[in-house]
Amino acid sequence: MLPNNEACRVWSRFERKRKDGSVLKLRIQDPPSSAQERVLDFIAKYFVTEETFQKAAGIYSNPDSIAEYREIIKEIFKKWIIVICCEDNNSEDVGDILGVSAVELVEDKSFDGLELQTKEIQNLITIMLECEK
């Protein structure tokens, strides 16, 4: 998450029509530190209960596990790239958080001593290694 004194970059603004015809204004942006707890709430509510590996681990069924998970995520997020999707209310305040994306940059380009040449094969190996963990 970003320190309080850093400006949050807005990556994209867009609109979508709801079924009732009204327009929902959204933006993709870096999360301000003031929204950190809400980002963690979002992940604990949706990701922990729906993501395959986390669901299989049963984290969602134990409040102590969720609390531990939140503490771990706070540390992990310091190293990851995080963006959020939120309502765009034409202010710098973060509206309702509607989505979170978290990415870790991994630069390991070897697999059992082989130099992998293409980005796609590098991505495949990264996915496979992560699943093996």
N, C-alpha and C. Protein backbone atom coordinates (compact mmCIF):
# COMPACT_ATOMS: atom_id res chain seq x y z
N MET A 1 0.84 -1.17 0.00
CA MET A 1 0.00 0.00 0.00
C MET A 1 0.89 1.24 0.00
N LEU A 2 0.34 2.33 -0.41
CA LEU A 2 1.11 3.55 -0.53
C LEU A 2 1.13 4.34 0.76
N PRO A 3 2.24 5.02 1.04
CA PRO A 3 2.26 5.91 2.21
C PRO A 3 1.25 7.04 2.01
N ASN A 4 0.84 7.67 3.11
CA ASN A 4 -0.18 8.72 3.06
C ASN A 4 0.21 9.89 2.17
N ASN A 5 1.49 10.20 2.06
CA ASN A 5 1.90 11.40 1.34
C ASN A 5 2.06 11.17 -0.17
N GLU A 6 1.84 9.97 -0.67
CA GLU A 6 1.98 9.72 -2.10
C GLU A 6 0.64 9.86 -2.80
N ALA A 7 0.68 10.49 -3.97
CA ALA A 7 -0.53 10.60 -4.78
C ALA A 7 -0.83 9.24 -5.39
N CYS A 8 -2.10 8.94 -5.52
CA CYS A 8 -2.51 7.67 -6.10
C CYS A 8 -2.79 7.87 -7.58
N ARG A 9 -2.13 7.09 -8.38
CA ARG A 9 -2.32 7.19 -9.82
C ARG A 9 -3.64 6.55 -10.21
N VAL A 10 -4.40 7.26 -11.03
CA VAL A 10 -5.61 6.71 -11.62
C VAL A 10 -5.21 6.19 -12.99
N TRP A 11 -5.36 4.90 -13.20
CA TRP A 11 -4.93 4.25 -14.43
C TRP A 11 -5.99 4.34 -15.52
N SER A 12 -7.24 4.31 -15.12
CA SER A 12 -8.29 4.29 -16.13
C SER A 12 -9.60 4.75 -15.50
N ARG A 13 -10.40 5.44 -16.31
CA ARG A 13 -11.78 5.80 -15.93
C ARG A 13 -12.69 5.26 -17.03
N PHE A 14 -13.82 4.71 -16.62
CA PHE A 14 -14.75 4.20 -17.61
C PHE A 14 -16.15 4.15 -17.02
N GLU A 15 -17.13 3.97 -17.88
CA GLU A 15 -18.53 3.92 -17.46
C GLU A 15 -19.17 2.64 -17.98
N ARG A 16 -20.15 2.16 -17.25
CA ARG A 16 -20.94 1.01 -17.66
C ARG A 16 -22.40 1.29 -17.35
N LYS A 17 -23.26 0.82 -18.25
CA LYS A 17 -24.70 0.96 -18.01
C LYS A 17 -25.19 -0.20 -17.18
N ARG A 18 -26.00 0.12 -16.20
CA ARG A 18 -26.66 -0.90 -15.40
C ARG A 18 -27.89 -1.39 -16.16
N LYS A 19 -28.46 -2.48 -15.70
CA LYS A 19 -29.66 -3.03 -16.33
C LYS A 19 -30.81 -2.04 -16.33
N ASP A 20 -30.86 -1.18 -15.31
CA ASP A 20 -31.95 -0.20 -15.23
C ASP A 20 -31.69 1.04 -16.09
N GLY A 21 -30.55 1.06 -16.81
CA GLY A 21 -30.23 2.18 -17.69
C GLY A 21 -29.37 3.26 -17.06
N SER A 22 -29.23 3.25 -15.75
CA SER A 22 -28.37 4.24 -15.11
C SER A 22 -26.91 3.93 -15.41
N VAL A 23 -26.07 4.93 -15.24
CA VAL A 23 -24.65 4.81 -15.58
C VAL A 23 -23.83 4.70 -14.30
N LEU A 24 -22.94 3.73 -14.28
CA LEU A 24 -22.02 3.54 -13.17
C LEU A 24 -20.65 4.01 -13.61
N LYS A 25 -20.09 4.99 -12.91
CA LYS A 25 -18.76 5.51 -13.23
C LYS A 25 -17.74 4.79 -12.35
N LEU A 26 -16.69 4.27 -13.00
CA LEU A 26 -15.67 3.48 -12.31
C LEU A 26 -14.29 4.01 -12.63
N ARG A 27 -13.32 3.65 -11.78
CA ARG A 27 -11.92 3.95 -12.07
C ARG A 27 -11.04 2.85 -11.52
N ILE A 28 -9.92 2.65 -12.20
CA ILE A 28 -8.86 1.74 -11.75
C ILE A 28 -7.76 2.64 -11.22
N GLN A 29 -7.30 2.39 -10.00
CA GLN A 29 -6.29 3.26 -9.40
C GLN A 29 -5.44 2.51 -8.39
N ASP A 30 -4.33 3.15 -8.04
CA ASP A 30 -3.53 2.67 -6.92
C ASP A 30 -4.34 2.93 -5.65
N PRO A 31 -4.29 2.01 -4.70
CA PRO A 31 -5.06 2.24 -3.47
C PRO A 31 -4.31 3.17 -2.51
N PRO A 32 -4.98 4.17 -1.98
CA PRO A 32 -4.32 5.01 -0.97
C PRO A 32 -4.20 4.24 0.34
N SER A 33 -3.27 4.63 1.17
CA SER A 33 -3.10 3.93 2.45
C SER A 33 -4.36 4.04 3.30
N SER A 34 -5.14 5.10 3.11
CA SER A 34 -6.38 5.26 3.87
C SER A 34 -7.41 4.17 3.54
N ALA A 35 -7.23 3.48 2.41
CA ALA A 35 -8.17 2.42 2.01
C ALA A 35 -7.63 1.03 2.29
N GLN A 36 -6.47 0.93 2.95
CA GLN A 36 -5.83 -0.37 3.16
C GLN A 36 -6.76 -1.36 3.88
N GLU A 37 -7.41 -0.95 4.92
CA GLU A 37 -8.29 -1.87 5.65
C GLU A 37 -9.46 -2.32 4.79
N ARG A 38 -9.98 -1.43 3.96
CA ARG A 38 -11.09 -1.79 3.08
C ARG A 38 -10.64 -2.76 2.01
N VAL A 39 -9.40 -2.62 1.53
CA VAL A 39 -8.86 -3.58 0.57
C VAL A 39 -8.74 -4.95 1.24
N LEU A 40 -8.23 -4.98 2.46
CA LEU A 40 -8.13 -6.24 3.20
C LEU A 40 -9.51 -6.84 3.45
N ASP A 41 -10.48 -6.00 3.78
CA ASP A 41 -11.85 -6.47 3.97
C ASP A 41 -12.38 -7.12 2.70
N PHE A 42 -12.13 -6.47 1.56
CA PHE A 42 -12.59 -6.99 0.28
C PHE A 42 -11.98 -8.37 0.01
N ILE A 43 -10.69 -8.49 0.23
CA ILE A 43 -10.00 -9.77 -0.01
C ILE A 43 -10.51 -10.84 0.94
N ALA A 44 -10.68 -10.48 2.21
CA ALA A 44 -11.17 -11.46 3.19
C ALA A 44 -12.60 -11.89 2.88
N LYS A 45 -13.39 -10.99 2.31
CA LYS A 45 -14.78 -11.33 2.01
C LYS A 45 -14.92 -12.15 0.74
N TYR A 46 -14.15 -11.81 -0.30
CA TYR A 46 -14.35 -12.45 -1.60
C TYR A 46 -13.24 -13.44 -1.99
N PHE A 47 -12.00 -13.02 -1.90
CA PHE A 47 -10.91 -13.86 -2.38
C PHE A 47 -10.75 -15.10 -1.51
N VAL A 48 -10.76 -14.93 -0.21
CA VAL A 48 -10.57 -16.06 0.70
C VAL A 48 -11.70 -17.09 0.56
N THR A 49 -12.88 -16.63 0.23
CA THR A 49 -14.02 -17.56 0.14
C THR A 49 -14.21 -18.14 -1.26
N GLU A 50 -13.59 -17.54 -2.29
CA GLU A 50 -13.84 -17.98 -3.66
C GLU A 50 -12.62 -18.53 -4.39
N GLU A 51 -11.41 -18.10 -4.05
CA GLU A 51 -10.22 -18.56 -4.76
C GLU A 51 -9.98 -20.03 -4.41
N THR A 52 -9.72 -20.83 -5.42
CA THR A 52 -9.69 -22.30 -5.29
C THR A 52 -8.79 -22.79 -4.16
N PHE A 53 -7.52 -22.39 -4.15
CA PHE A 53 -6.59 -22.90 -3.15
C PHE A 53 -6.95 -22.44 -1.75
N GLN A 54 -7.38 -21.19 -1.63
CA GLN A 54 -7.71 -20.67 -0.30
C GLN A 54 -9.01 -21.28 0.23
N LYS A 55 -9.94 -21.51 -0.68
CA LYS A 55 -11.18 -22.16 -0.30
C LYS A 55 -10.89 -23.59 0.17
N ALA A 56 -10.04 -24.29 -0.58
CA ALA A 56 -9.68 -25.67 -0.23
C ALA A 56 -8.97 -25.74 1.12
N ALA A 57 -8.18 -24.71 1.43
CA ALA A 57 -7.47 -24.68 2.71
C ALA A 57 -8.42 -24.42 3.88
N GLY A 58 -9.62 -23.90 3.60
CA GLY A 58 -10.60 -23.67 4.66
C GLY A 58 -10.39 -22.40 5.46
N ILE A 59 -9.60 -21.48 4.94
CA ILE A 59 -9.32 -20.25 5.68
C ILE A 59 -10.60 -19.54 6.09
N TYR A 60 -11.57 -19.47 5.20
CA TYR A 60 -12.82 -18.74 5.43
C TYR A 60 -13.61 -19.26 6.61
N SER A 61 -13.38 -20.51 7.02
CA SER A 61 -14.19 -21.12 8.07
C SER A 61 -13.65 -20.87 9.48
N ASN A 62 -12.49 -20.22 9.58
CA ASN A 62 -11.87 -20.02 10.89
C ASN A 62 -11.51 -18.55 11.07
N PRO A 63 -12.17 -17.83 11.97
CA PRO A 63 -11.87 -16.41 12.19
C PRO A 63 -10.40 -16.14 12.53
N ASP A 64 -9.77 -17.07 13.26
CA ASP A 64 -8.34 -16.90 13.57
C ASP A 64 -7.49 -16.99 12.31
N SER A 65 -7.87 -17.87 11.39
CA SER A 65 -7.15 -17.99 10.12
C SER A 65 -7.32 -16.73 9.28
N ILE A 66 -8.51 -16.18 9.27
CA ILE A 66 -8.74 -14.94 8.52
C ILE A 66 -7.91 -13.81 9.09
N ALA A 67 -7.84 -13.71 10.41
CA ALA A 67 -7.03 -12.66 11.05
C ALA A 67 -5.56 -12.85 10.71
N GLU A 68 -5.07 -14.09 10.77
CA GLU A 68 -3.69 -14.37 10.42
C GLU A 68 -3.43 -14.05 8.95
N TYR A 69 -4.37 -14.42 8.10
CA TYR A 69 -4.26 -14.15 6.66
C TYR A 69 -4.14 -12.65 6.39
N ARG A 70 -4.96 -11.86 7.07
CA ARG A 70 -4.91 -10.41 6.90
C ARG A 70 -3.54 -9.85 7.27
N GLU A 71 -2.96 -10.35 8.35
CA GLU A 71 -1.63 -9.88 8.76
C GLU A 71 -0.56 -10.25 7.73
N ILE A 72 -0.66 -11.47 7.20
CA ILE A 72 0.28 -11.90 6.17
C ILE A 72 0.13 -11.05 4.92
N ILE A 73 -1.11 -10.82 4.51
CA ILE A 73 -1.37 -10.02 3.30
C ILE A 73 -0.84 -8.60 3.46
N LYS A 74 -0.97 -8.01 4.65
CA LYS A 74 -0.42 -6.67 4.88
C LYS A 74 1.07 -6.62 4.54
N GLU A 75 1.80 -7.66 4.92
CA GLU A 75 3.24 -7.71 4.64
C GLU A 75 3.52 -7.99 3.16
N ILE A 76 2.78 -8.92 2.59
CA ILE A 76 2.97 -9.27 1.19
C ILE A 76 2.69 -8.07 0.29
N PHE A 77 1.64 -7.31 0.62
CA PHE A 77 1.25 -6.18 -0.23
C PHE A 77 2.33 -5.11 -0.30
N LYS A 78 3.25 -5.08 0.66
CA LYS A 78 4.34 -4.11 0.60
C LYS A 78 5.27 -4.38 -0.58
N LYS A 79 5.27 -5.61 -1.09
CA LYS A 79 6.15 -6.01 -2.18
C LYS A 79 5.41 -6.18 -3.50
N TRP A 80 4.10 -6.19 -3.48
CA TRP A 80 3.31 -6.46 -4.67
C TRP A 80 2.80 -5.18 -5.29
N ILE A 81 2.34 -5.28 -6.51
CA ILE A 81 1.69 -4.17 -7.20
C ILE A 81 0.18 -4.39 -7.02
N ILE A 82 -0.49 -3.40 -6.45
CA ILE A 82 -1.91 -3.50 -6.14
C ILE A 82 -2.66 -2.39 -6.88
N VAL A 83 -3.77 -2.74 -7.50
CA VAL A 83 -4.70 -1.75 -8.03
C VAL A 83 -6.10 -2.13 -7.60
N ILE A 84 -6.94 -1.13 -7.51
CA ILE A 84 -8.32 -1.36 -7.13
C ILE A 84 -9.25 -0.78 -8.19
N CYS A 85 -10.44 -1.34 -8.26
CA CYS A 85 -11.52 -0.77 -9.07
C CYS A 85 -12.53 -0.24 -8.07
N CYS A 86 -12.89 1.03 -8.24
CA CYS A 86 -13.83 1.64 -7.30
C CYS A 86 -14.79 2.55 -8.05
N GLU A 87 -15.85 2.92 -7.37
CA GLU A 87 -16.76 3.89 -7.96
C GLU A 87 -16.02 5.21 -8.09
N ASP A 88 -16.27 5.91 -9.18
CA ASP A 88 -15.63 7.19 -9.44
C ASP A 88 -16.63 8.29 -9.15
N ASN A 89 -16.47 8.89 -7.99
CA ASN A 89 -17.40 9.94 -7.56
C ASN A 89 -16.84 11.34 -7.81
N ASN A 90 -15.91 11.44 -8.77
CA ASN A 90 -15.29 12.71 -9.16
C ASN A 90 -14.58 13.41 -8.01
N SER A 91 -14.07 12.65 -7.06
CA SER A 91 -13.24 13.20 -6.00
C SER A 91 -12.07 12.26 -5.81
N GLU A 92 -11.13 12.66 -4.99
CA GLU A 92 -9.99 11.78 -4.72
C GLU A 92 -10.33 10.70 -3.71
N ASP A 93 -11.48 10.81 -3.06
CA ASP A 93 -11.90 9.80 -2.10
C ASP A 93 -12.20 8.50 -2.84
N VAL A 94 -11.83 7.40 -2.22
CA VAL A 94 -12.12 6.10 -2.80
C VAL A 94 -13.55 5.72 -2.47
N GLY A 95 -14.34 5.48 -3.51
CA GLY A 95 -15.72 5.03 -3.32
C GLY A 95 -15.72 3.56 -2.94
N ASP A 96 -16.85 2.92 -3.12
CA ASP A 96 -16.94 1.50 -2.83
C ASP A 96 -15.91 0.74 -3.67
N ILE A 97 -15.17 -0.15 -3.04
CA ILE A 97 -14.20 -0.98 -3.75
C ILE A 97 -14.96 -2.14 -4.38
N LEU A 98 -14.82 -2.27 -5.69
CA LEU A 98 -15.54 -3.30 -6.43
C LEU A 98 -14.63 -4.39 -6.96
N GLY A 99 -13.32 -4.19 -6.88
CA GLY A 99 -12.37 -5.19 -7.34
C GLY A 99 -10.97 -4.86 -6.87
N VAL A 100 -10.16 -5.89 -6.70
CA VAL A 100 -8.75 -5.74 -6.30
C VAL A 100 -7.92 -6.67 -7.16
N SER A 101 -6.81 -6.16 -7.65
CA SER A 101 -5.87 -6.99 -8.38
C SER A 101 -4.50 -6.83 -7.72
N ALA A 102 -3.87 -7.97 -7.44
CA ALA A 102 -2.56 -7.97 -6.79
C ALA A 102 -1.61 -8.82 -7.61
N VAL A 103 -0.45 -8.26 -7.93
CA VAL A 103 0.52 -8.95 -8.78
C VAL A 103 1.90 -8.85 -8.15
N GLU A 104 2.61 -9.95 -8.16
CA GLU A 104 4.00 -9.95 -7.71
C GLU A 104 4.88 -10.11 -8.93
N LEU A 105 5.89 -9.26 -9.05
CA LEU A 105 6.84 -9.36 -10.15
C LEU A 105 7.88 -10.42 -9.80
N VAL A 106 7.96 -11.46 -10.62
CA VAL A 106 8.91 -12.54 -10.42
C VAL A 106 9.88 -12.53 -11.59
N GLU A 107 11.16 -12.47 -11.30
CA GLU A 107 12.15 -12.37 -12.37
C GLU A 107 13.00 -13.61 -12.55
N ASP A 108 12.66 -14.70 -11.90
CA ASP A 108 13.42 -15.94 -12.06
C ASP A 108 13.15 -16.50 -13.45
N LYS A 109 14.19 -16.58 -14.28
CA LYS A 109 14.01 -17.01 -15.67
C LYS A 109 14.68 -18.34 -15.96
N SER A 110 14.90 -19.13 -14.94
CA SER A 110 15.53 -20.43 -15.17
C SER A 110 14.61 -21.55 -14.69
N PHE A 111 14.79 -22.72 -15.31
CA PHE A 111 14.03 -23.90 -14.93
C PHE A 111 14.97 -25.08 -15.05
N ASP A 112 15.41 -25.59 -13.90
CA ASP A 112 16.37 -26.71 -13.88
C ASP A 112 17.57 -26.44 -14.77
N GLY A 113 18.12 -25.24 -14.69
CA GLY A 113 19.32 -24.91 -15.45
C GLY A 113 19.10 -24.53 -16.89
N LEU A 114 17.87 -24.61 -17.39
CA LEU A 114 17.58 -24.25 -18.77
C LEU A 114 17.30 -22.76 -18.86
N GLU A 115 17.81 -22.13 -19.90
CA GLU A 115 17.46 -20.74 -20.17
C GLU A 115 16.20 -20.74 -21.03
N LEU A 116 15.15 -20.21 -20.50
CA LEU A 116 13.88 -20.17 -21.22
C LEU A 116 13.88 -18.94 -22.12
N GLN A 117 13.55 -19.13 -23.36
CA GLN A 117 13.68 -18.07 -24.35
C GLN A 117 12.44 -17.19 -24.48
N THR A 118 11.27 -17.77 -24.46
CA THR A 118 10.08 -16.98 -24.73
C THR A 118 9.35 -16.61 -23.44
N LYS A 119 8.71 -15.47 -23.49
CA LYS A 119 7.95 -14.98 -22.34
C LYS A 119 6.84 -15.96 -21.97
N GLU A 120 6.21 -16.58 -22.97
CA GLU A 120 5.10 -17.48 -22.71
C GLU A 120 5.55 -18.73 -21.95
N ILE A 121 6.70 -19.27 -22.33
CA ILE A 121 7.22 -20.44 -21.61
C ILE A 121 7.67 -20.04 -20.21
N GLN A 122 8.26 -18.86 -20.07
CA GLN A 122 8.63 -18.36 -18.75
C GLN A 122 7.38 -18.24 -17.86
N ASN A 123 6.31 -17.71 -18.44
CA ASN A 123 5.06 -17.58 -17.68
C ASN A 123 4.51 -18.94 -17.27
N LEU A 124 4.55 -19.90 -18.19
CA LEU A 124 4.06 -21.25 -17.89
C LEU A 124 4.84 -21.86 -16.73
N ILE A 125 6.14 -21.76 -16.77
CA ILE A 125 6.98 -22.33 -15.71
C ILE A 125 6.71 -21.64 -14.38
N THR A 126 6.53 -20.32 -14.41
CA THR A 126 6.22 -19.58 -13.19
C THR A 126 4.91 -20.07 -12.59
N ILE A 127 3.91 -20.25 -13.42
CA ILE A 127 2.61 -20.75 -12.94
C ILE A 127 2.77 -22.14 -12.35
N MET A 128 3.51 -23.00 -13.04
CA MET A 128 3.69 -24.38 -12.56
C MET A 128 4.42 -24.38 -11.22
N LEU A 129 5.47 -23.59 -11.09
CA LEU A 129 6.24 -23.55 -9.84
C LEU A 129 5.39 -23.01 -8.70
N GLU A 130 4.58 -22.01 -8.96
CA GLU A 130 3.71 -21.46 -7.92
C GLU A 130 2.70 -22.51 -7.46
N CYS A 131 2.15 -23.26 -8.39
CA CYS A 131 1.19 -24.30 -8.01
C CYS A 131 1.85 -25.41 -7.21
N GLU A 132 3.11 -25.69 -7.50
CA GLU A 132 3.84 -26.74 -6.75
C GLU A 132 4.11 -26.31 -5.32
N LYS A 133 4.20 -25.02 -5.06
CA LYS A 133 4.46 -24.54 -3.69
C LYS A 133 3.28 -24.83 -2.83
